[in-house]
Amino acid sequence: MGVYGTFGAVIAIIGAALAYRNARGSFRSYYATHVYNVTRRGHMRFVWASVSCALLFLIDRLFFNVIAIPLLALYAVAAILYGSSFVRGATGEDE
């Protein structure tokens, strides 16, 4: 089970880095800003959620080896929902 904790921590750190880059960047997608209402504050919330998950993955990896798989599933859903706010704008379709 230690592999899942390590994998989850790496993915959560990558997610935090991408969200931090989006929070500090000047580019704003129309769909992310106006349709899904993802602001800088929303990006920073995902950064903190990702950092918290990464710490939980590492704590689980070091001590328990129990919650890594359910936490990985929960983080995957959160990352998909966060990422979906950018996907629609990437298609280039205008309404």
PDB file of N, CA and C in Angstrom:
ATOM      1  N   MET A   1       0.804  -1.195   0.000  1.00  0.00           N
ATOM      2  CA  MET A   1       0.000   0.000   0.000  1.00  0.00           C
ATOM      3  C   MET A   1       0.845   1.256   0.000  1.00  0.00           C
ATOM      4  N   GLY A   2       2.117   1.141   0.269  1.00  0.00           N
ATOM      5  CA  GLY A   2       2.970   2.315   0.314  1.00  0.00           C
ATOM      6  C   GLY A   2       3.103   3.012  -1.025  1.00  0.00           C
ATOM      7  N   VAL A   3       2.915   2.263  -2.101  1.00  0.00           N
ATOM      8  CA  VAL A   3       3.019   2.848  -3.438  1.00  0.00           C
ATOM      9  C   VAL A   3       1.912   3.874  -3.652  1.00  0.00           C
ATOM     10  N   TYR A   4       0.708   3.577  -3.176  1.00  0.00           N
ATOM     11  CA  TYR A   4      -0.409   4.500  -3.352  1.00  0.00           C
ATOM     12  C   TYR A   4      -0.185   5.803  -2.593  1.00  0.00           C
ATOM     13  N   GLY A   5       0.389   5.714  -1.411  1.00  0.00           N
ATOM     14  CA  GLY A   5       0.681   6.918  -0.644  1.00  0.00           C
ATOM     15  C   GLY A   5       1.720   7.787  -1.322  1.00  0.00           C
ATOM     16  N   THR A   6       2.754   7.162  -1.853  1.00  0.00           N
ATOM     17  CA  THR A   6       3.793   7.910  -2.565  1.00  0.00           C
ATOM     18  C   THR A   6       3.237   8.527  -3.841  1.00  0.00           C
ATOM     19  N   PHE A   7       2.509   7.742  -4.604  1.00  0.00           N
ATOM     20  CA  PHE A   7       1.908   8.242  -5.839  1.00  0.00           C
ATOM     21  C   PHE A   7       0.946   9.391  -5.551  1.00  0.00           C
ATOM     22  N   GLY A   8       0.120   9.226  -4.528  1.00  0.00           N
ATOM     23  CA  GLY A   8      -0.829  10.279  -4.162  1.00  0.00           C
ATOM     24  C   GLY A   8      -0.133  11.556  -3.741  1.00  0.00           C
ATOM     25  N   ALA A   9       0.948  11.445  -2.976  1.00  0.00           N
ATOM     26  CA  ALA A   9       1.685  12.635  -2.544  1.00  0.00           C
ATOM     27  C   ALA A   9       2.292  13.365  -3.735  1.00  0.00           C
ATOM     28  N   VAL A  10       2.848  12.615  -4.680  1.00  0.00           N
ATOM     29  CA  VAL A  10       3.451  13.239  -5.869  1.00  0.00           C
ATOM     30  C   VAL A  10       2.377  13.932  -6.701  1.00  0.00           C
ATOM     31  N   ILE A  11       1.251  13.273  -6.919  1.00  0.00           N
ATOM     32  CA  ILE A  11       0.165  13.860  -7.704  1.00  0.00           C
ATOM     33  C   ILE A  11      -0.401  15.096  -6.999  1.00  0.00           C
ATOM     34  N   ALA A  12      -0.542  15.042  -5.686  1.00  0.00           N
ATOM     35  CA  ALA A  12      -1.070  16.185  -4.946  1.00  0.00           C
ATOM     36  C   ALA A  12      -0.111  17.371  -4.997  1.00  0.00           C
ATOM     37  N   ILE A  13       1.182  17.119  -4.946  1.00  0.00           N
ATOM     38  CA  ILE A  13       2.165  18.199  -5.042  1.00  0.00           C
ATOM     39  C   ILE A  13       2.138  18.817  -6.439  1.00  0.00           C
ATOM     40  N   ILE A  14       2.015  17.982  -7.463  1.00  0.00           N
ATOM     41  CA  ILE A  14       1.899  18.507  -8.831  1.00  0.00           C
ATOM     42  C   ILE A  14       0.627  19.333  -8.974  1.00  0.00           C
ATOM     43  N   GLY A  15      -0.482  18.846  -8.416  1.00  0.00           N
ATOM     44  CA  GLY A  15      -1.733  19.597  -8.459  1.00  0.00           C
ATOM     45  C   GLY A  15      -1.628  20.931  -7.742  1.00  0.00           C
ATOM     46  N   ALA A  16      -0.948  20.945  -6.603  1.00  0.00           N
ATOM     47  CA  ALA A  16      -0.757  22.199  -5.872  1.00  0.00           C
ATOM     48  C   ALA A  16       0.092  23.176  -6.674  1.00  0.00           C
ATOM     49  N   ALA A  17       1.127  22.677  -7.324  1.00  0.00           N
ATOM     50  CA  ALA A  17       2.001  23.552  -8.118  1.00  0.00           C
ATOM     51  C   ALA A  17       1.248  24.151  -9.304  1.00  0.00           C
ATOM     52  N   LEU A  18       0.434  23.346  -9.975  1.00  0.00           N
ATOM     53  CA  LEU A  18      -0.348  23.860 -11.109  1.00  0.00           C
ATOM     54  C   LEU A  18      -1.390  24.883 -10.653  1.00  0.00           C
ATOM     55  N   ALA A  19      -2.053  24.599  -9.547  1.00  0.00           N
ATOM     56  CA  ALA A  19      -3.050  25.544  -9.039  1.00  0.00           C
ATOM     57  C   ALA A  19      -2.386  26.842  -8.577  1.00  0.00           C
ATOM     58  N   TYR A  20      -1.211  26.743  -7.983  1.00  0.00           N
ATOM     59  CA  TYR A  20      -0.490  27.950  -7.554  1.00  0.00           C
ATOM     60  C   TYR A  20      -0.079  28.778  -8.768  1.00  0.00           C
ATOM     61  N   ARG A  21       0.347  28.105  -9.822  1.00  0.00           N
ATOM     62  CA  ARG A  21       0.698  28.817 -11.049  1.00  0.00           C
ATOM     63  C   ARG A  21      -0.525  29.525 -11.629  1.00  0.00           C
ATOM     64  N   ASN A  22      -1.677  28.860 -11.602  1.00  0.00           N
ATOM     65  CA  ASN A  22      -2.904  29.482 -12.096  1.00  0.00           C
ATOM     66  C   ASN A  22      -3.359  30.633 -11.213  1.00  0.00           C
ATOM     67  N   ALA A  23      -3.116  30.534  -9.921  1.00  0.00           N
ATOM     68  CA  ALA A  23      -3.515  31.611  -9.011  1.00  0.00           C
ATOM     69  C   ALA A  23      -2.652  32.845  -9.206  1.00  0.00           C
ATOM     70  N   ARG A  24      -1.397  32.662  -9.545  1.00  0.00           N
ATOM     71  CA  ARG A  24      -0.478  33.788  -9.703  1.00  0.00           C
ATOM     72  C   ARG A  24      -0.407  34.316 -11.124  1.00  0.00           C
ATOM     73  N   GLY A  25      -0.928  33.579 -12.078  1.00  0.00           N
ATOM     74  CA  GLY A  25      -0.851  33.981 -13.482  1.00  0.00           C
ATOM     75  C   GLY A  25      -1.833  35.087 -13.816  1.00  0.00           C
ATOM     76  N   SER A  26      -1.583  35.757 -14.920  1.00  0.00           N
ATOM     77  CA  SER A  26      -2.452  36.848 -15.338  1.00  0.00           C
ATOM     78  C   SER A  26      -3.523  36.386 -16.327  1.00  0.00           C
ATOM     79  N   PHE A  27      -3.355  35.211 -16.939  1.00  0.00           N
ATOM     80  CA  PHE A  27      -4.335  34.715 -17.908  1.00  0.00           C
ATOM     81  C   PHE A  27      -5.580  34.217 -17.187  1.00  0.00           C
ATOM     82  N   ARG A  28      -6.738  34.637 -17.647  1.00  0.00           N
ATOM     83  CA  ARG A  28      -8.007  34.180 -17.099  1.00  0.00           C
ATOM     84  C   ARG A  28      -8.885  33.658 -18.229  1.00  0.00           C
ATOM     85  N   SER A  29      -9.277  32.425 -18.143  1.00  0.00           N
ATOM     86  CA  SER A  29     -10.181  31.831 -19.109  1.00  0.00           C
ATOM     87  C   SER A  29     -11.591  32.373 -18.875  1.00  0.00           C
ATOM     88  N   TYR A  30     -12.327  32.578 -19.955  1.00  0.00           N
ATOM     89  CA  TYR A  30     -13.699  33.062 -19.827  1.00  0.00           C
ATOM     90  C   TYR A  30     -14.545  32.080 -19.024  1.00  0.00           C
ATOM     91  N   TYR A  31     -14.436  30.793 -19.338  1.00  0.00           N
ATOM     92  CA  TYR A  31     -15.258  29.802 -18.648  1.00  0.00           C
ATOM     93  C   TYR A  31     -14.853  29.649 -17.188  1.00  0.00           C
ATOM     94  N   ALA A  32     -13.563  29.667 -16.922  1.00  0.00           N
ATOM     95  CA  ALA A  32     -13.117  29.527 -15.541  1.00  0.00           C
ATOM     96  C   ALA A  32     -13.570  30.709 -14.696  1.00  0.00           C
ATOM     97  N   THR A  33     -13.525  31.904 -15.269  1.00  0.00           N
ATOM     98  CA  THR A  33     -13.846  33.104 -14.503  1.00  0.00           C
ATOM     99  C   THR A  33     -15.341  33.371 -14.432  1.00  0.00           C
ATOM    100  N   HIS A  34     -16.033  33.333 -15.570  1.00  0.00           N
ATOM    101  CA  HIS A  34     -17.427  33.750 -15.601  1.00  0.00           C
ATOM    102  C   HIS A  34     -18.439  32.617 -15.455  1.00  0.00           C
ATOM    103  N   VAL A  35     -18.153  31.471 -16.012  1.00  0.00           N
ATOM    104  CA  VAL A  35     -19.113  30.373 -15.958  1.00  0.00           C
ATOM    105  C   VAL A  35     -18.948  29.574 -14.661  1.00  0.00           C
ATOM    106  N   TYR A  36     -17.703  29.171 -14.353  1.00  0.00           N
ATOM    107  CA  TYR A  36     -17.457  28.347 -13.175  1.00  0.00           C
ATOM    108  C   TYR A  36     -17.037  29.155 -11.960  1.00  0.00           C
ATOM    109  N   ASN A  37     -16.805  30.458 -12.137  1.00  0.00           N
ATOM    110  CA  ASN A  37     -16.454  31.370 -11.053  1.00  0.00           C
ATOM    111  C   ASN A  37     -15.211  30.917 -10.272  1.00  0.00           C
ATOM    112  N   VAL A  38     -14.187  30.484 -10.987  1.00  0.00           N
ATOM    113  CA  VAL A  38     -12.925  30.110 -10.360  1.00  0.00           C
ATOM    114  C   VAL A  38     -12.029  31.340 -10.361  1.00  0.00           C
ATOM    115  N   THR A  39     -11.849  31.917  -9.191  1.00  0.00           N
ATOM    116  CA  THR A  39     -11.039  33.116  -9.043  1.00  0.00           C
ATOM    117  C   THR A  39      -9.686  32.730  -8.452  1.00  0.00           C
ATOM    118  N   ARG A  40      -8.864  33.721  -8.178  1.00  0.00           N
ATOM    119  CA  ARG A  40      -7.579  33.452  -7.524  1.00  0.00           C
ATOM    120  C   ARG A  40      -7.785  32.763  -6.180  1.00  0.00           C
ATOM    121  N   ARG A  41      -8.826  33.174  -5.490  1.00  0.00           N
ATOM    122  CA  ARG A  41      -9.131  32.562  -4.194  1.00  0.00           C
ATOM    123  C   ARG A  41      -9.476  31.074  -4.360  1.00  0.00           C
ATOM    124  N   GLY A  42     -10.229  30.744  -5.396  1.00  0.00           N
ATOM    125  CA  GLY A  42     -10.555  29.351  -5.658  1.00  0.00           C
ATOM    126  C   GLY A  42      -9.334  28.512  -5.983  1.00  0.00           C
ATOM    127  N   HIS A  43      -8.417  29.100  -6.749  1.00  0.00           N
ATOM    128  CA  HIS A  43      -7.162  28.396  -7.043  1.00  0.00           C
ATOM    129  C   HIS A  43      -6.369  28.152  -5.765  1.00  0.00           C
ATOM    130  N   MET A  44      -6.307  29.167  -4.905  1.00  0.00           N
ATOM    131  CA  MET A  44      -5.550  29.011  -3.660  1.00  0.00           C
ATOM    132  C   MET A  44      -6.207  27.991  -2.727  1.00  0.00           C
ATOM    133  N   ARG A  45      -7.520  27.902  -2.771  1.00  0.00           N
ATOM    134  CA  ARG A  45      -8.192  26.862  -1.976  1.00  0.00           C
ATOM    135  C   ARG A  45      -7.784  25.474  -2.450  1.00  0.00           C
ATOM    136  N   PHE A  46      -7.676  25.307  -3.769  1.00  0.00           N
ATOM    137  CA  PHE A  46      -7.235  24.008  -4.276  1.00  0.00           C
ATOM    138  C   PHE A  46      -5.769  23.756  -3.922  1.00  0.00           C
ATOM    139  N   VAL A  47      -4.957  24.810  -3.889  1.00  0.00           N
ATOM    140  CA  VAL A  47      -3.557  24.651  -3.456  1.00  0.00           C
ATOM    141  C   VAL A  47      -3.521  24.112  -2.040  1.00  0.00           C
ATOM    142  N   TRP A  48      -4.281  24.730  -1.137  1.00  0.00           N
ATOM    143  CA  TRP A  48      -4.270  24.277   0.261  1.00  0.00           C
ATOM    144  C   TRP A  48      -4.867  22.884   0.412  1.00  0.00           C
ATOM    145  N   ALA A  49      -5.884  22.577  -0.346  1.00  0.00           N
ATOM    146  CA  ALA A  49      -6.448  21.228  -0.304  1.00  0.00           C
ATOM    147  C   ALA A  49      -5.433  20.203  -0.803  1.00  0.00           C
ATOM    148  N   SER A  50      -4.686  20.549  -1.852  1.00  0.00           N
ATOM    149  CA  SER A  50      -3.676  19.635  -2.391  1.00  0.00           C
ATOM    150  C   SER A  50      -2.523  19.443  -1.416  1.00  0.00           C
ATOM    151  N   VAL A  51      -2.085  20.525  -0.804  1.00  0.00           N
ATOM    152  CA  VAL A  51      -0.996  20.423   0.180  1.00  0.00           C
ATOM    153  C   VAL A  51      -1.445  19.579   1.372  1.00  0.00           C
ATOM    154  N   SER A  52      -2.686  19.788   1.817  1.00  0.00           N
ATOM    155  CA  SER A  52      -3.214  18.983   2.923  1.00  0.00           C
ATOM    156  C   SER A  52      -3.277  17.507   2.558  1.00  0.00           C
ATOM    157  N   CYS A  53      -3.733  17.220   1.347  1.00  0.00           N
ATOM    158  CA  CYS A  53      -3.782  15.819   0.902  1.00  0.00           C
ATOM    159  C   CYS A  53      -2.379  15.227   0.792  1.00  0.00           C
ATOM    160  N   ALA A  54      -1.427  16.009   0.297  1.00  0.00           N
ATOM    161  CA  ALA A  54      -0.051  15.514   0.194  1.00  0.00           C
ATOM    162  C   ALA A  54       0.499  15.176   1.576  1.00  0.00           C
ATOM    163  N   LEU A  55       0.232  16.032   2.554  1.00  0.00           N
ATOM    164  CA  LEU A  55       0.686  15.741   3.921  1.00  0.00           C
ATOM    165  C   LEU A  55       0.006  14.499   4.482  1.00  0.00           C
ATOM    166  N   LEU A  56      -1.288  14.359   4.224  1.00  0.00           N
ATOM    167  CA  LEU A  56      -1.988  13.150   4.682  1.00  0.00           C
ATOM    168  C   LEU A  56      -1.444  11.891   4.011  1.00  0.00           C
ATOM    169  N   PHE A  57      -1.130  11.992   2.722  1.00  0.00           N
ATOM    170  CA  PHE A  57      -0.526  10.852   2.033  1.00  0.00           C
ATOM    171  C   PHE A  57       0.812  10.476   2.663  1.00  0.00           C
ATOM    172  N   LEU A  58       1.632  11.479   2.948  1.00  0.00           N
ATOM    173  CA  LEU A  58       2.944  11.193   3.529  1.00  0.00           C
ATOM    174  C   LEU A  58       2.836  10.652   4.950  1.00  0.00           C
ATOM    175  N   ILE A  59       1.925  11.213   5.743  1.00  0.00           N
ATOM    176  CA  ILE A  59       1.719  10.695   7.100  1.00  0.00           C
ATOM    177  C   ILE A  59       1.222   9.259   7.042  1.00  0.00           C
ATOM    178  N   ASP A  60       0.292   8.991   6.146  1.00  0.00           N
ATOM    179  CA  ASP A  60      -0.214   7.633   5.988  1.00  0.00           C
ATOM    180  C   ASP A  60       0.886   6.687   5.520  1.00  0.00           C
ATOM    181  N   ARG A  61       1.718   7.170   4.628  1.00  0.00           N
ATOM    182  CA  ARG A  61       2.821   6.349   4.095  1.00  0.00           C
ATOM    183  C   ARG A  61       3.806   5.979   5.198  1.00  0.00           C
ATOM    184  N   LEU A  62       4.075   6.929   6.084  1.00  0.00           N
ATOM    185  CA  LEU A  62       5.070   6.699   7.126  1.00  0.00           C
ATOM    186  C   LEU A  62       4.544   5.879   8.300  1.00  0.00           C
ATOM    187  N   PHE A  63       3.272   6.043   8.643  1.00  0.00           N
ATOM    188  CA  PHE A  63       2.799   5.437   9.884  1.00  0.00           C
ATOM    189  C   PHE A  63       1.721   4.374   9.710  1.00  0.00           C
ATOM    190  N   PHE A  64       0.699   4.641   8.911  1.00  0.00           N
ATOM    191  CA  PHE A  64      -0.489   3.806   8.960  1.00  0.00           C
ATOM    192  C   PHE A  64      -0.655   2.850   7.784  1.00  0.00           C
ATOM    193  N   ASN A  65      -0.500   3.345   6.567  1.00  0.00           N
ATOM    194  CA  ASN A  65      -0.769   2.567   5.350  1.00  0.00           C
ATOM    195  C   ASN A  65      -2.203   2.057   5.312  1.00  0.00           C
ATOM    196  N   VAL A  66      -3.145   2.919   5.679  1.00  0.00           N
ATOM    197  CA  VAL A  66      -4.545   2.510   5.727  1.00  0.00           C
ATOM    198  C   VAL A  66      -5.422   3.337   4.790  1.00  0.00           C
ATOM    199  N   ILE A  67      -5.280   4.660   4.808  1.00  0.00           N
ATOM    200  CA  ILE A  67      -6.229   5.524   4.102  1.00  0.00           C
ATOM    201  C   ILE A  67      -5.744   5.993   2.734  1.00  0.00           C
ATOM    202  N   ALA A  68      -4.670   5.459   2.239  1.00  0.00           N
ATOM    203  CA  ALA A  68      -4.100   5.967   0.988  1.00  0.00           C
ATOM    204  C   ALA A  68      -5.037   5.769  -0.204  1.00  0.00           C
ATOM    205  N   ILE A  69      -5.643   4.618  -0.338  1.00  0.00           N
ATOM    206  CA  ILE A  69      -6.499   4.352  -1.492  1.00  0.00           C
ATOM    207  C   ILE A  69      -7.775   5.194  -1.465  1.00  0.00           C
ATOM    208  N   PRO A  70      -8.520   5.256  -0.344  1.00  0.00           N
ATOM    209  CA  PRO A  70      -9.696   6.138  -0.338  1.00  0.00           C
ATOM    210  C   PRO A  70      -9.332   7.618  -0.504  1.00  0.00           C
ATOM    211  N   LEU A  71      -8.222   8.038   0.072  1.00  0.00           N
ATOM    212  CA  LEU A  71      -7.794   9.425  -0.075  1.00  0.00           C
ATOM    213  C   LEU A  71      -7.387   9.714  -1.516  1.00  0.00           C
ATOM    214  N   LEU A  72      -6.750   8.763  -2.173  1.00  0.00           N
ATOM    215  CA  LEU A  72      -6.391   8.934  -3.577  1.00  0.00           C
ATOM    216  C   LEU A  72      -7.643   9.058  -4.444  1.00  0.00           C
ATOM    217  N   ALA A  73      -8.657   8.270  -4.159  1.00  0.00           N
ATOM    218  CA  ALA A  73      -9.918   8.371  -4.904  1.00  0.00           C
ATOM    219  C   ALA A  73     -10.575   9.728  -4.673  1.00  0.00           C
ATOM    220  N   LEU A  74     -10.579  10.193  -3.441  1.00  0.00           N
ATOM    221  CA  LEU A  74     -11.163  11.495  -3.121  1.00  0.00           C
ATOM    222  C   LEU A  74     -10.400  12.627  -3.801  1.00  0.00           C
ATOM    223  N   TYR A  75      -9.078  12.551  -3.781  1.00  0.00           N
ATOM    224  CA  TYR A  75      -8.278  13.589  -4.422  1.00  0.00           C
ATOM    225  C   TYR A  75      -8.442  13.554  -5.944  1.00  0.00           C
ATOM    226  N   ALA A  76      -8.577  12.364  -6.512  1.00  0.00           N
ATOM    227  CA  ALA A  76      -8.785  12.256  -7.964  1.00  0.00           C
ATOM    228  C   ALA A  76     -10.083  12.932  -8.379  1.00  0.00           C
ATOM    229  N   VAL A  77     -11.141  12.748  -7.611  1.00  0.00           N
ATOM    230  CA  VAL A  77     -12.412  13.402  -7.919  1.00  0.00           C
ATOM    231  C   VAL A  77     -12.259  14.921  -7.802  1.00  0.00           C
ATOM    232  N   ALA A  78     -11.611  15.383  -6.747  1.00  0.00           N
ATOM    233  CA  ALA A  78     -11.397  16.824  -6.567  1.00  0.00           C
ATOM    234  C   ALA A  78     -10.564  17.401  -7.710  1.00  0.00           C
ATOM    235  N   ALA A  79      -9.527  16.697  -8.132  1.00  0.00           N
ATOM    236  CA  ALA A  79      -8.678  17.174  -9.224  1.00  0.00           C
ATOM    237  C   ALA A  79      -9.441  17.202 -10.545  1.00  0.00           C
ATOM    238  N   ILE A  80     -10.293  16.224 -10.773  1.00  0.00           N
ATOM    239  CA  ILE A  80     -11.095  16.209 -11.997  1.00  0.00           C
ATOM    240  C   ILE A  80     -12.071  17.378 -12.008  1.00  0.00           C
ATOM    241  N   LEU A  81     -12.716  17.635 -10.878  1.00  0.00           N
ATOM    242  CA  LEU A  81     -13.641  18.767 -10.803  1.00  0.00           C
ATOM    243  C   LEU A  81     -12.903  20.093 -10.967  1.00  0.00           C
ATOM    244  N   TYR A  82     -11.732  20.208 -10.383  1.00  0.00           N
ATOM    245  CA  TYR A  82     -10.933  21.430 -10.536  1.00  0.00           C
ATOM    246  C   TYR A  82     -10.483  21.596 -11.991  1.00  0.00           C
ATOM    247  N   GLY A  83     -10.005  20.535 -12.583  1.00  0.00           N
ATOM    248  CA  GLY A  83      -9.531  20.594 -13.960  1.00  0.00           C
ATOM    249  C   GLY A  83     -10.632  20.811 -14.970  1.00  0.00           C
ATOM    250  N   SER A  84     -11.843  20.386 -14.656  1.00  0.00           N
ATOM    251  CA  SER A  84     -12.947  20.545 -15.611  1.00  0.00           C
ATOM    252  C   SER A  84     -13.324  21.999 -15.824  1.00  0.00           C
ATOM    253  N   SER A  85     -12.943  22.879 -14.939  1.00  0.00           N
ATOM    254  CA  SER A  85     -13.252  24.292 -15.128  1.00  0.00           C
ATOM    255  C   SER A  85     -12.418  24.904 -16.244  1.00  0.00           C
ATOM    256  N   PHE A  86     -11.357  24.204 -16.674  1.00  0.00           N
ATOM    257  CA  PHE A  86     -10.508  24.710 -17.750  1.00  0.00           C
ATOM    258  C   PHE A  86     -10.746  23.985 -19.062  1.00  0.00           C
ATOM    259  N   VAL A  87     -11.306  22.795 -19.011  1.00  0.00           N
ATOM    260  CA  VAL A  87     -11.438  21.966 -20.205  1.00  0.00           C
ATOM    261  C   VAL A  87     -12.405  22.570 -21.211  1.00  0.00           C
ATOM    262  N   ARG A  88     -13.526  23.066 -20.729  1.00  0.00           N
ATOM    263  CA  ARG A  88     -14.511  23.601 -21.650  1.00  0.00           C
ATOM    264  C   ARG A  88     -13.973  24.809 -22.416  1.00  0.00           C
ATOM    265  N   GLY A  89     -13.207  25.655 -21.763  1.00  0.00           N
ATOM    266  CA  GLY A  89     -12.624  26.804 -22.436  1.00  0.00           C
ATOM    267  C   GLY A  89     -11.539  26.407 -23.414  1.00  0.00           C
ATOM    268  N   ALA A  90     -10.929  25.245 -23.229  1.00  0.00           N
ATOM    269  CA  ALA A  90      -9.860  24.797 -24.118  1.00  0.00           C
ATOM    270  C   ALA A  90     -10.387  24.283 -25.452  1.00  0.00           C
ATOM    271  N   THR A  91     -11.683  23.984 -25.543  1.00  0.00           N
ATOM    272  CA  THR A  91     -12.221  23.460 -26.791  1.00  0.00           C
ATOM    273  C   THR A  91     -12.346  24.539 -27.851  1.00  0.00           C
ATOM    274  N   GLY A  92     -12.431  25.789 -27.440  1.00  0.00           N
ATOM    275  CA  GLY A  92     -12.490  26.890 -28.385  1.00  0.00           C
ATOM    276  C   GLY A  92     -13.878  27.184 -28.902  1.00  0.00           C
ATOM    277  N   GLU A  93     -14.897  26.528 -28.356  1.00  0.00           N
ATOM    278  CA  GLU A  93     -16.267  26.766 -28.790  1.00  0.00           C
ATOM    279  C   GLU A  93     -16.816  28.003 -28.096  1.00  0.00           C
ATOM    280  N   ASP A  94     -17.401  28.893 -28.869  1.00  0.00           N
ATOM    281  CA  ASP A  94     -18.044  30.067 -28.298  1.00  0.00           C
ATOM    282  C   ASP A  94     -19.542  29.931 -28.420  1.00  0.00           C
ATOM    283  N   GLU A  95     -20.225  30.399 -27.416  1.00  0.00           N
ATOM    284  CA  GLU A  95     -21.692  30.319 -27.439  1.00  0.00           C
ATOM    285  C   GLU A  95     -22.278  31.583 -28.004  1.00  0.00           C
TER     286      GLU A  95
END
